[in-house]
Amino acid sequence: MNAAFSTILVVVGISILAVGLFFLGMSLTQIFKGHDIDSEIATNKNMQNLGIKCAVQESREDTGTDCADIGCHGNCSSCDIDHEAAKK
């Protein structure tokens, strides 16, 4: 029982360390760059330059639907899969 308890403590300790390193990395990005990491497709110019698009936008383009007509500009939060149904 003592070995199992020490194993659990090691796993919990490593987990806490991993989460702490994640937060440290995010904080350093905030400190040195002065802003949060921009992971939203609609506002990240690097993603747009690489041609990365919202999955819903790509799906609509594959089916021939023009995303610009329904207000989708690569921002996944503005894309609505049931947009046509919502208009009716």
PDB file of N, CA and C in Angstrom:
ATOM      1  N   MET A   1       0.824  -1.194   0.000  1.00  0.00           N
ATOM      2  CA  MET A   1       0.000   0.000   0.000  1.00  0.00           C
ATOM      3  C   MET A   1       0.866   1.255   0.000  1.00  0.00           C
ATOM      4  N   ASN A   2       2.004   1.198   0.627  1.00  0.00           N
ATOM      5  CA  ASN A   2       2.896   2.340   0.683  1.00  0.00           C
ATOM      6  C   ASN A   2       3.487   2.644  -0.690  1.00  0.00           C
ATOM      7  N   ALA A   3       3.808   1.599  -1.484  1.00  0.00           N
ATOM      8  CA  ALA A   3       4.364   1.797  -2.819  1.00  0.00           C
ATOM      9  C   ALA A   3       3.327   2.425  -3.752  1.00  0.00           C
ATOM     10  N   ALA A   4       2.075   2.012  -3.629  1.00  0.00           N
ATOM     11  CA  ALA A   4       1.014   2.573  -4.467  1.00  0.00           C
ATOM     12  C   ALA A   4       0.800   4.045  -4.139  1.00  0.00           C
ATOM     13  N   PHE A   5       0.867   4.389  -2.861  1.00  0.00           N
ATOM     14  CA  PHE A   5       0.677   5.777  -2.443  1.00  0.00           C
ATOM     15  C   PHE A   5       1.807   6.652  -2.969  1.00  0.00           C
ATOM     16  N   SER A   6       3.050   6.147  -2.920  1.00  0.00           N
ATOM     17  CA  SER A   6       4.172   6.942  -3.416  1.00  0.00           C
ATOM     18  C   SER A   6       4.101   7.090  -4.936  1.00  0.00           C
ATOM     19  N   THR A   7       3.599   6.081  -5.628  1.00  0.00           N
ATOM     20  CA  THR A   7       3.428   6.172  -7.078  1.00  0.00           C
ATOM     21  C   THR A   7       2.389   7.233  -7.423  1.00  0.00           C
ATOM     22  N   ILE A   8       1.316   7.270  -6.669  1.00  0.00           N
ATOM     23  CA  ILE A   8       0.281   8.283  -6.895  1.00  0.00           C
ATOM     24  C   ILE A   8       0.843   9.675  -6.641  1.00  0.00           C
ATOM     25  N   LEU A   9       1.640   9.822  -5.595  1.00  0.00           N
ATOM     26  CA  LEU A   9       2.248  11.129  -5.311  1.00  0.00           C
ATOM     27  C   LEU A   9       3.183  11.567  -6.434  1.00  0.00           C
ATOM     28  N   VAL A  10       3.943  10.635  -6.986  1.00  0.00           N
ATOM     29  CA  VAL A  10       4.836  10.969  -8.095  1.00  0.00           C
ATOM     30  C   VAL A  10       4.027  11.418  -9.310  1.00  0.00           C
ATOM     31  N   VAL A  11       2.963  10.724  -9.644  1.00  0.00           N
ATOM     32  CA  VAL A  11       2.128  11.080 -10.798  1.00  0.00           C
ATOM     33  C   VAL A  11       1.482  12.448 -10.581  1.00  0.00           C
ATOM     34  N   VAL A  12       0.957  12.681  -9.381  1.00  0.00           N
ATOM     35  CA  VAL A  12       0.341  13.979  -9.081  1.00  0.00           C
ATOM     36  C   VAL A  12       1.393  15.082  -9.139  1.00  0.00           C
ATOM     37  N   GLY A  13       2.571  14.825  -8.621  1.00  0.00           N
ATOM     38  CA  GLY A  13       3.643  15.816  -8.657  1.00  0.00           C
ATOM     39  C   GLY A  13       4.059  16.157 -10.073  1.00  0.00           C
ATOM     40  N   ILE A  14       4.200  15.146 -10.914  1.00  0.00           N
ATOM     41  CA  ILE A  14       4.565  15.391 -12.317  1.00  0.00           C
ATOM     42  C   ILE A  14       3.453  16.153 -13.026  1.00  0.00           C
ATOM     43  N   SER A  15       2.212  15.840 -12.735  1.00  0.00           N
ATOM     44  CA  SER A  15       1.073  16.550 -13.341  1.00  0.00           C
ATOM     45  C   SER A  15       1.069  18.023 -12.945  1.00  0.00           C
ATOM     46  N   ILE A  16       1.286  18.277 -11.670  1.00  0.00           N
ATOM     47  CA  ILE A  16       1.327  19.667 -11.191  1.00  0.00           C
ATOM     48  C   ILE A  16       2.488  20.415 -11.838  1.00  0.00           C
ATOM     49  N   LEU A  17       3.634  19.766 -11.972  1.00  0.00           N
ATOM     50  CA  LEU A  17       4.789  20.385 -12.619  1.00  0.00           C
ATOM     51  C   LEU A  17       4.491  20.693 -14.081  1.00  0.00           C
ATOM     52  N   ALA A  18       3.858  19.765 -14.793  1.00  0.00           N
ATOM     53  CA  ALA A  18       3.532  19.976 -16.206  1.00  0.00           C
ATOM     54  C   ALA A  18       2.569  21.148 -16.376  1.00  0.00           C
ATOM     55  N   VAL A  19       1.545  21.214 -15.540  1.00  0.00           N
ATOM     56  CA  VAL A  19       0.588  22.323 -15.625  1.00  0.00           C
ATOM     57  C   VAL A  19       1.285  23.639 -15.284  1.00  0.00           C
ATOM     58  N   GLY A  20       2.162  23.616 -14.287  1.00  0.00           N
ATOM     59  CA  GLY A  20       2.915  24.815 -13.913  1.00  0.00           C
ATOM     60  C   GLY A  20       3.794  25.304 -15.050  1.00  0.00           C
ATOM     61  N   LEU A  21       4.465  24.386 -15.750  1.00  0.00           N
ATOM     62  CA  LEU A  21       5.293  24.782 -16.891  1.00  0.00           C
ATOM     63  C   LEU A  21       4.459  25.353 -18.025  1.00  0.00           C
ATOM     64  N   PHE A  22       3.266  24.795 -18.235  1.00  0.00           N
ATOM     65  CA  PHE A  22       2.361  25.329 -19.248  1.00  0.00           C
ATOM     66  C   PHE A  22       1.988  26.775 -18.929  1.00  0.00           C
ATOM     67  N   PHE A  23       1.593  27.025 -17.682  1.00  0.00           N
ATOM     68  CA  PHE A  23       1.223  28.389 -17.295  1.00  0.00           C
ATOM     69  C   PHE A  23       2.417  29.331 -17.361  1.00  0.00           C
ATOM     70  N   LEU A  24       3.605  28.855 -17.009  1.00  0.00           N
ATOM     71  CA  LEU A  24       4.800  29.679 -17.116  1.00  0.00           C
ATOM     72  C   LEU A  24       5.058  30.056 -18.571  1.00  0.00           C
ATOM     73  N   GLY A  25       4.933  29.088 -19.474  1.00  0.00           N
ATOM     74  CA  GLY A  25       5.121  29.371 -20.892  1.00  0.00           C
ATOM     75  C   GLY A  25       4.120  30.376 -21.422  1.00  0.00           C
ATOM     76  N   MET A  26       2.871  30.219 -21.032  1.00  0.00           N
ATOM     77  CA  MET A  26       1.842  31.168 -21.467  1.00  0.00           C
ATOM     78  C   MET A  26       2.113  32.561 -20.892  1.00  0.00           C
ATOM     79  N   SER A  27       2.567  32.617 -19.656  1.00  0.00           N
ATOM     80  CA  SER A  27       2.864  33.906 -19.022  1.00  0.00           C
ATOM     81  C   SER A  27       4.039  34.584 -19.716  1.00  0.00           C
ATOM     82  N   LEU A  28       5.068  33.817 -20.054  1.00  0.00           N
ATOM     83  CA  LEU A  28       6.222  34.405 -20.735  1.00  0.00           C
ATOM     84  C   LEU A  28       5.836  34.939 -22.099  1.00  0.00           C
ATOM     85  N   THR A  29       4.955  34.254 -22.795  1.00  0.00           N
ATOM     86  CA  THR A  29       4.459  34.750 -24.078  1.00  0.00           C
ATOM     87  C   THR A  29       3.738  36.078 -23.866  1.00  0.00           C
ATOM     88  N   GLN A  30       2.917  36.137 -22.841  1.00  0.00           N
ATOM     89  CA  GLN A  30       2.182  37.368 -22.525  1.00  0.00           C
ATOM     90  C   GLN A  30       3.153  38.499 -22.183  1.00  0.00           C
ATOM     91  N   ILE A  31       4.165  38.196 -21.399  1.00  0.00           N
ATOM     92  CA  ILE A  31       5.104  39.230 -20.950  1.00  0.00           C
ATOM     93  C   ILE A  31       5.951  39.747 -22.111  1.00  0.00           C
ATOM     94  N   PHE A  32       6.543  38.849 -22.886  1.00  0.00           N
ATOM     95  CA  PHE A  32       7.481  39.273 -23.916  1.00  0.00           C
ATOM     96  C   PHE A  32       6.806  39.798 -25.173  1.00  0.00           C
ATOM     97  N   LYS A  33       5.686  39.234 -25.560  1.00  0.00           N
ATOM     98  CA  LYS A  33       4.997  39.700 -26.756  1.00  0.00           C
ATOM     99  C   LYS A  33       3.983  40.794 -26.447  1.00  0.00           C
ATOM    100  N   GLY A  34       3.530  40.877 -25.223  1.00  0.00           N
ATOM    101  CA  GLY A  34       2.595  41.918 -24.828  1.00  0.00           C
ATOM    102  C   GLY A  34       1.151  41.621 -25.170  1.00  0.00           C
ATOM    103  N   HIS A  35       0.862  40.404 -25.628  1.00  0.00           N
ATOM    104  CA  HIS A  35      -0.512  40.036 -25.952  1.00  0.00           C
ATOM    105  C   HIS A  35      -0.659  38.526 -25.835  1.00  0.00           C
ATOM    106  N   ASP A  36      -1.915  38.089 -25.791  1.00  0.00           N
ATOM    107  CA  ASP A  36      -2.188  36.653 -25.742  1.00  0.00           C
ATOM    108  C   ASP A  36      -1.829  36.009 -27.079  1.00  0.00           C
ATOM    109  N   ILE A  37      -1.657  34.706 -27.061  1.00  0.00           N
ATOM    110  CA  ILE A  37      -1.437  33.980 -28.297  1.00  0.00           C
ATOM    111  C   ILE A  37      -2.725  34.054 -29.119  1.00  0.00           C
ATOM    112  N   ASP A  38      -2.606  34.484 -30.349  1.00  0.00           N
ATOM    113  CA  ASP A  38      -3.774  34.662 -31.208  1.00  0.00           C
ATOM    114  C   ASP A  38      -4.048  33.369 -31.957  1.00  0.00           C
ATOM    115  N   SER A  39      -4.986  32.596 -31.446  1.00  0.00           N
ATOM    116  CA  SER A  39      -5.290  31.306 -32.065  1.00  0.00           C
ATOM    117  C   SER A  39      -6.577  31.328 -32.874  1.00  0.00           C
ATOM    118  N   GLU A  40      -7.227  32.460 -32.981  1.00  0.00           N
ATOM    119  CA  GLU A  40      -8.469  32.567 -33.744  1.00  0.00           C
ATOM    120  C   GLU A  40      -8.136  32.786 -35.216  1.00  0.00           C
ATOM    121  N   ILE A  41      -8.693  31.978 -36.071  1.00  0.00           N
ATOM    122  CA  ILE A  41      -8.364  32.011 -37.492  1.00  0.00           C
ATOM    123  C   ILE A  41      -8.696  33.369 -38.111  1.00  0.00           C
ATOM    124  N   ALA A  42      -9.766  33.976 -37.692  1.00  0.00           N
ATOM    125  CA  ALA A  42     -10.211  35.231 -38.303  1.00  0.00           C
ATOM    126  C   ALA A  42      -9.266  36.389 -38.022  1.00  0.00           C
ATOM    127  N   THR A  43      -8.528  36.347 -36.916  1.00  0.00           N
ATOM    128  CA  THR A  43      -7.682  37.477 -36.547  1.00  0.00           C
ATOM    129  C   THR A  43      -6.194  37.179 -36.651  1.00  0.00           C
ATOM    130  N   ASN A  44      -5.801  35.950 -36.891  1.00  0.00           N
ATOM    131  CA  ASN A  44      -4.394  35.601 -36.976  1.00  0.00           C
ATOM    132  C   ASN A  44      -3.930  35.706 -38.423  1.00  0.00           C
ATOM    133  N   LYS A  45      -3.136  36.720 -38.704  1.00  0.00           N
ATOM    134  CA  LYS A  45      -2.683  36.983 -40.079  1.00  0.00           C
ATOM    135  C   LYS A  45      -1.787  35.867 -40.599  1.00  0.00           C
ATOM    136  N   ASN A  46      -0.982  35.252 -39.724  1.00  0.00           N
ATOM    137  CA  ASN A  46      -0.105  34.168 -40.179  1.00  0.00           C
ATOM    138  C   ASN A  46      -0.913  32.975 -40.664  1.00  0.00           C
ATOM    139  N   MET A  47      -1.971  32.625 -39.942  1.00  0.00           N
ATOM    140  CA  MET A  47      -2.822  31.523 -40.377  1.00  0.00           C
ATOM    141  C   MET A  47      -3.501  31.851 -41.699  1.00  0.00           C
ATOM    142  N   GLN A  48      -3.954  33.081 -41.841  1.00  0.00           N
ATOM    143  CA  GLN A  48      -4.614  33.487 -43.080  1.00  0.00           C
ATOM    144  C   GLN A  48      -3.634  33.453 -44.246  1.00  0.00           C
ATOM    145  N   ASN A  49      -2.376  33.893 -44.016  1.00  0.00           N
ATOM    146  CA  ASN A  49      -1.366  33.869 -45.066  1.00  0.00           C
ATOM    147  C   ASN A  49      -1.016  32.443 -45.482  1.00  0.00           C
ATOM    148  N   LEU A  50      -1.113  31.502 -44.551  1.00  0.00           N
ATOM    149  CA  LEU A  50      -0.845  30.102 -44.853  1.00  0.00           C
ATOM    150  C   LEU A  50      -2.043  29.411 -45.508  1.00  0.00           C
ATOM    151  N   GLY A  51      -3.164  30.113 -45.587  1.00  0.00           N
ATOM    152  CA  GLY A  51      -4.351  29.549 -46.215  1.00  0.00           C
ATOM    153  C   GLY A  51      -5.181  28.677 -45.286  1.00  0.00           C
ATOM    154  N   ILE A  52      -4.950  28.781 -43.981  1.00  0.00           N
ATOM    155  CA  ILE A  52      -5.717  27.991 -43.021  1.00  0.00           C
ATOM    156  C   ILE A  52      -7.093  28.627 -42.873  1.00  0.00           C
ATOM    157  N   LYS A  53      -8.116  27.800 -42.947  1.00  0.00           N
ATOM    158  CA  LYS A  53      -9.485  28.296 -42.870  1.00  0.00           C
ATOM    159  C   LYS A  53     -10.256  27.534 -41.808  1.00  0.00           C
ATOM    160  N   CYS A  54     -11.351  28.111 -41.400  1.00  0.00           N
ATOM    161  CA  CYS A  54     -12.268  27.457 -40.483  1.00  0.00           C
ATOM    162  C   CYS A  54     -12.801  26.190 -41.153  1.00  0.00           C
ATOM    163  N   ALA A  55     -12.966  25.131 -40.392  1.00  0.00           N
ATOM    164  CA  ALA A  55     -13.452  23.862 -40.949  1.00  0.00           C
ATOM    165  C   ALA A  55     -14.824  24.019 -41.590  1.00  0.00           C
ATOM    166  N   VAL A  56     -15.677  24.821 -40.980  1.00  0.00           N
ATOM    167  CA  VAL A  56     -17.009  25.040 -41.545  1.00  0.00           C
ATOM    168  C   VAL A  56     -16.894  25.810 -42.856  1.00  0.00           C
ATOM    169  N   GLN A  57     -15.985  26.777 -42.897  1.00  0.00           N
ATOM    170  CA  GLN A  57     -15.781  27.543 -44.126  1.00  0.00           C
ATOM    171  C   GLN A  57     -15.277  26.628 -45.243  1.00  0.00           C
ATOM    172  N   GLU A  58     -14.328  25.752 -44.940  1.00  0.00           N
ATOM    173  CA  GLU A  58     -13.843  24.820 -45.957  1.00  0.00           C
ATOM    174  C   GLU A  58     -14.950  23.898 -46.448  1.00  0.00           C
ATOM    175  N   SER A  59     -15.786  23.435 -45.527  1.00  0.00           N
ATOM    176  CA  SER A  59     -16.890  22.557 -45.896  1.00  0.00           C
ATOM    177  C   SER A  59     -17.865  23.281 -46.816  1.00  0.00           C
ATOM    178  N   ARG A  60     -18.161  24.519 -46.506  1.00  0.00           N
ATOM    179  CA  ARG A  60     -19.082  25.292 -47.347  1.00  0.00           C
ATOM    180  C   ARG A  60     -18.479  25.538 -48.734  1.00  0.00           C
ATOM    181  N   GLU A  61     -17.165  25.806 -48.787  1.00  0.00           N
ATOM    182  CA  GLU A  61     -16.518  26.012 -50.083  1.00  0.00           C
ATOM    183  C   GLU A  61     -16.533  24.728 -50.903  1.00  0.00           C
ATOM    184  N   ASP A  62     -16.369  23.574 -50.240  1.00  0.00           N
ATOM    185  CA  ASP A  62     -16.400  22.294 -50.948  1.00  0.00           C
ATOM    186  C   ASP A  62     -17.771  22.010 -51.548  1.00  0.00           C
ATOM    187  N   THR A  63     -18.822  22.478 -50.878  1.00  0.00           N
ATOM    188  CA  THR A  63     -20.174  22.241 -51.380  1.00  0.00           C
ATOM    189  C   THR A  63     -20.652  23.354 -52.312  1.00  0.00           C
ATOM    190  N   GLY A  64     -19.812  24.375 -52.516  1.00  0.00           N
ATOM    191  CA  GLY A  64     -20.156  25.446 -53.438  1.00  0.00           C
ATOM    192  C   GLY A  64     -20.906  26.599 -52.813  1.00  0.00           C
ATOM    193  N   THR A  65     -21.046  26.607 -51.498  1.00  0.00           N
ATOM    194  CA  THR A  65     -21.712  27.708 -50.815  1.00  0.00           C
ATOM    195  C   THR A  65     -20.697  28.820 -50.602  1.00  0.00           C
ATOM    196  N   ASP A  66     -21.075  30.056 -50.894  1.00  0.00           N
ATOM    197  CA  ASP A  66     -20.167  31.187 -50.710  1.00  0.00           C
ATOM    198  C   ASP A  66     -20.248  31.656 -49.269  1.00  0.00           C
ATOM    199  N   CYS A  67     -19.168  31.469 -48.541  1.00  0.00           N
ATOM    200  CA  CYS A  67     -19.162  31.811 -47.121  1.00  0.00           C
ATOM    201  C   CYS A  67     -19.313  33.312 -46.889  1.00  0.00           C
ATOM    202  N   ALA A  68     -18.765  34.131 -47.782  1.00  0.00           N
ATOM    203  CA  ALA A  68     -18.842  35.574 -47.592  1.00  0.00           C
ATOM    204  C   ALA A  68     -20.286  36.066 -47.634  1.00  0.00           C
ATOM    205  N   ASP A  69     -21.131  35.394 -48.409  1.00  0.00           N
ATOM    206  CA  ASP A  69     -22.531  35.811 -48.508  1.00  0.00           C
ATOM    207  C   ASP A  69     -23.287  35.599 -47.204  1.00  0.00           C
ATOM    208  N   ILE A  70     -22.841  34.632 -46.415  1.00  0.00           N
ATOM    209  CA  ILE A  70     -23.560  34.338 -45.169  1.00  0.00           C
ATOM    210  C   ILE A  70     -22.799  34.826 -43.943  1.00  0.00           C
ATOM    211  N   GLY A  71     -21.726  35.591 -44.153  1.00  0.00           N
ATOM    212  CA  GLY A  71     -21.036  36.215 -43.035  1.00  0.00           C
ATOM    213  C   GLY A  71     -19.904  35.420 -42.434  1.00  0.00           C
ATOM    214  N   CYS A  72     -19.448  34.385 -43.090  1.00  0.00           N
ATOM    215  CA  CYS A  72     -18.337  33.590 -42.573  1.00  0.00           C
ATOM    216  C   CYS A  72     -17.054  34.079 -43.224  1.00  0.00           C
ATOM    217  N   HIS A  73     -16.125  34.518 -42.406  1.00  0.00           N
ATOM    218  CA  HIS A  73     -14.870  35.059 -42.924  1.00  0.00           C
ATOM    219  C   HIS A  73     -13.673  34.350 -42.313  1.00  0.00           C
ATOM    220  N   GLY A  74     -13.791  33.062 -42.031  1.00  0.00           N
ATOM    221  CA  GLY A  74     -12.697  32.310 -41.452  1.00  0.00           C
ATOM    222  C   GLY A  74     -12.726  32.278 -39.940  1.00  0.00           C
ATOM    223  N   ASN A  75     -13.708  32.927 -39.333  1.00  0.00           N
ATOM    224  CA  ASN A  75     -13.837  32.934 -37.885  1.00  0.00           C
ATOM    225  C   ASN A  75     -14.819  31.850 -37.505  1.00  0.00           C
ATOM    226  N   CYS A  76     -14.313  30.783 -36.893  1.00  0.00           N
ATOM    227  CA  CYS A  76     -15.176  29.635 -36.587  1.00  0.00           C
ATOM    228  C   CYS A  76     -16.329  30.006 -35.661  1.00  0.00           C
ATOM    229  N   SER A  77     -16.137  31.014 -34.830  1.00  0.00           N
ATOM    230  CA  SER A  77     -17.221  31.388 -33.931  1.00  0.00           C
ATOM    231  C   SER A  77     -18.344  32.091 -34.684  1.00  0.00           C
ATOM    232  N   SER A  78     -18.054  32.654 -35.863  1.00  0.00           N
ATOM    233  CA  SER A  78     -19.118  33.318 -36.623  1.00  0.00           C
ATOM    234  C   SER A  78     -19.756  32.384 -37.629  1.00  0.00           C
ATOM    235  N   CYS A  79     -19.108  31.245 -37.911  1.00  0.00           N
ATOM    236  CA  CYS A  79     -19.688  30.277 -38.834  1.00  0.00           C
ATOM    237  C   CYS A  79     -20.772  29.493 -38.112  1.00  0.00           C
ATOM    238  N   ASP A  80     -21.886  29.296 -38.772  1.00  0.00           N
ATOM    239  CA  ASP A  80     -22.996  28.574 -38.181  1.00  0.00           C
ATOM    240  C   ASP A  80     -23.414  27.493 -39.161  1.00  0.00           C
ATOM    241  N   ILE A  81     -23.272  26.240 -38.770  1.00  0.00           N
ATOM    242  CA  ILE A  81     -23.589  25.138 -39.668  1.00  0.00           C
ATOM    243  C   ILE A  81     -25.038  25.189 -40.121  1.00  0.00           C
ATOM    244  N   ASP A  82     -25.946  25.567 -39.234  1.00  0.00           N
ATOM    245  CA  ASP A  82     -27.370  25.633 -39.561  1.00  0.00           C
ATOM    246  C   ASP A  82     -27.796  27.046 -39.917  1.00  0.00           C
ATOM    247  N   HIS A  83     -26.914  27.818 -40.535  1.00  0.00           N
ATOM    248  CA  HIS A  83     -27.217  29.211 -40.841  1.00  0.00           C
ATOM    249  C   HIS A  83     -28.393  29.354 -41.802  1.00  0.00           C
ATOM    250  N   GLU A  84     -28.442  28.501 -42.804  1.00  0.00           N
ATOM    251  CA  GLU A  84     -29.544  28.575 -43.765  1.00  0.00           C
ATOM    252  C   GLU A  84     -30.883  28.257 -43.082  1.00  0.00           C
ATOM    253  N   ALA A  85     -30.871  27.297 -42.183  1.00  0.00           N
ATOM    254  CA  ALA A  85     -32.093  26.953 -41.470  1.00  0.00           C
ATOM    255  C   ALA A  85     -32.521  28.100 -40.538  1.00  0.00           C
ATOM    256  N   ALA A  86     -31.545  28.800 -39.997  1.00  0.00           N
ATOM    257  CA  ALA A  86     -31.852  29.921 -39.100  1.00  0.00           C
ATOM    258  C   ALA A  86     -32.456  31.101 -39.862  1.00  0.00           C
ATOM    259  N   LYS A  87     -32.112  31.243 -41.160  1.00  0.00           N
ATOM    260  CA  LYS A  87     -32.657  32.337 -41.953  1.00  0.00           C
ATOM    261  C   LYS A  87     -34.134  32.136 -42.247  1.00  0.00           C
ATOM    262  N   LYS A  88     -34.583  30.862 -42.334  1.00  0.00           N
ATOM    263  CA  LYS A  88     -35.962  30.563 -42.718  1.00  0.00           C
ATOM    264  C   LYS A  88     -36.919  30.739 -41.610  1.00  0.00           C
TER     265      LYS A  88
END
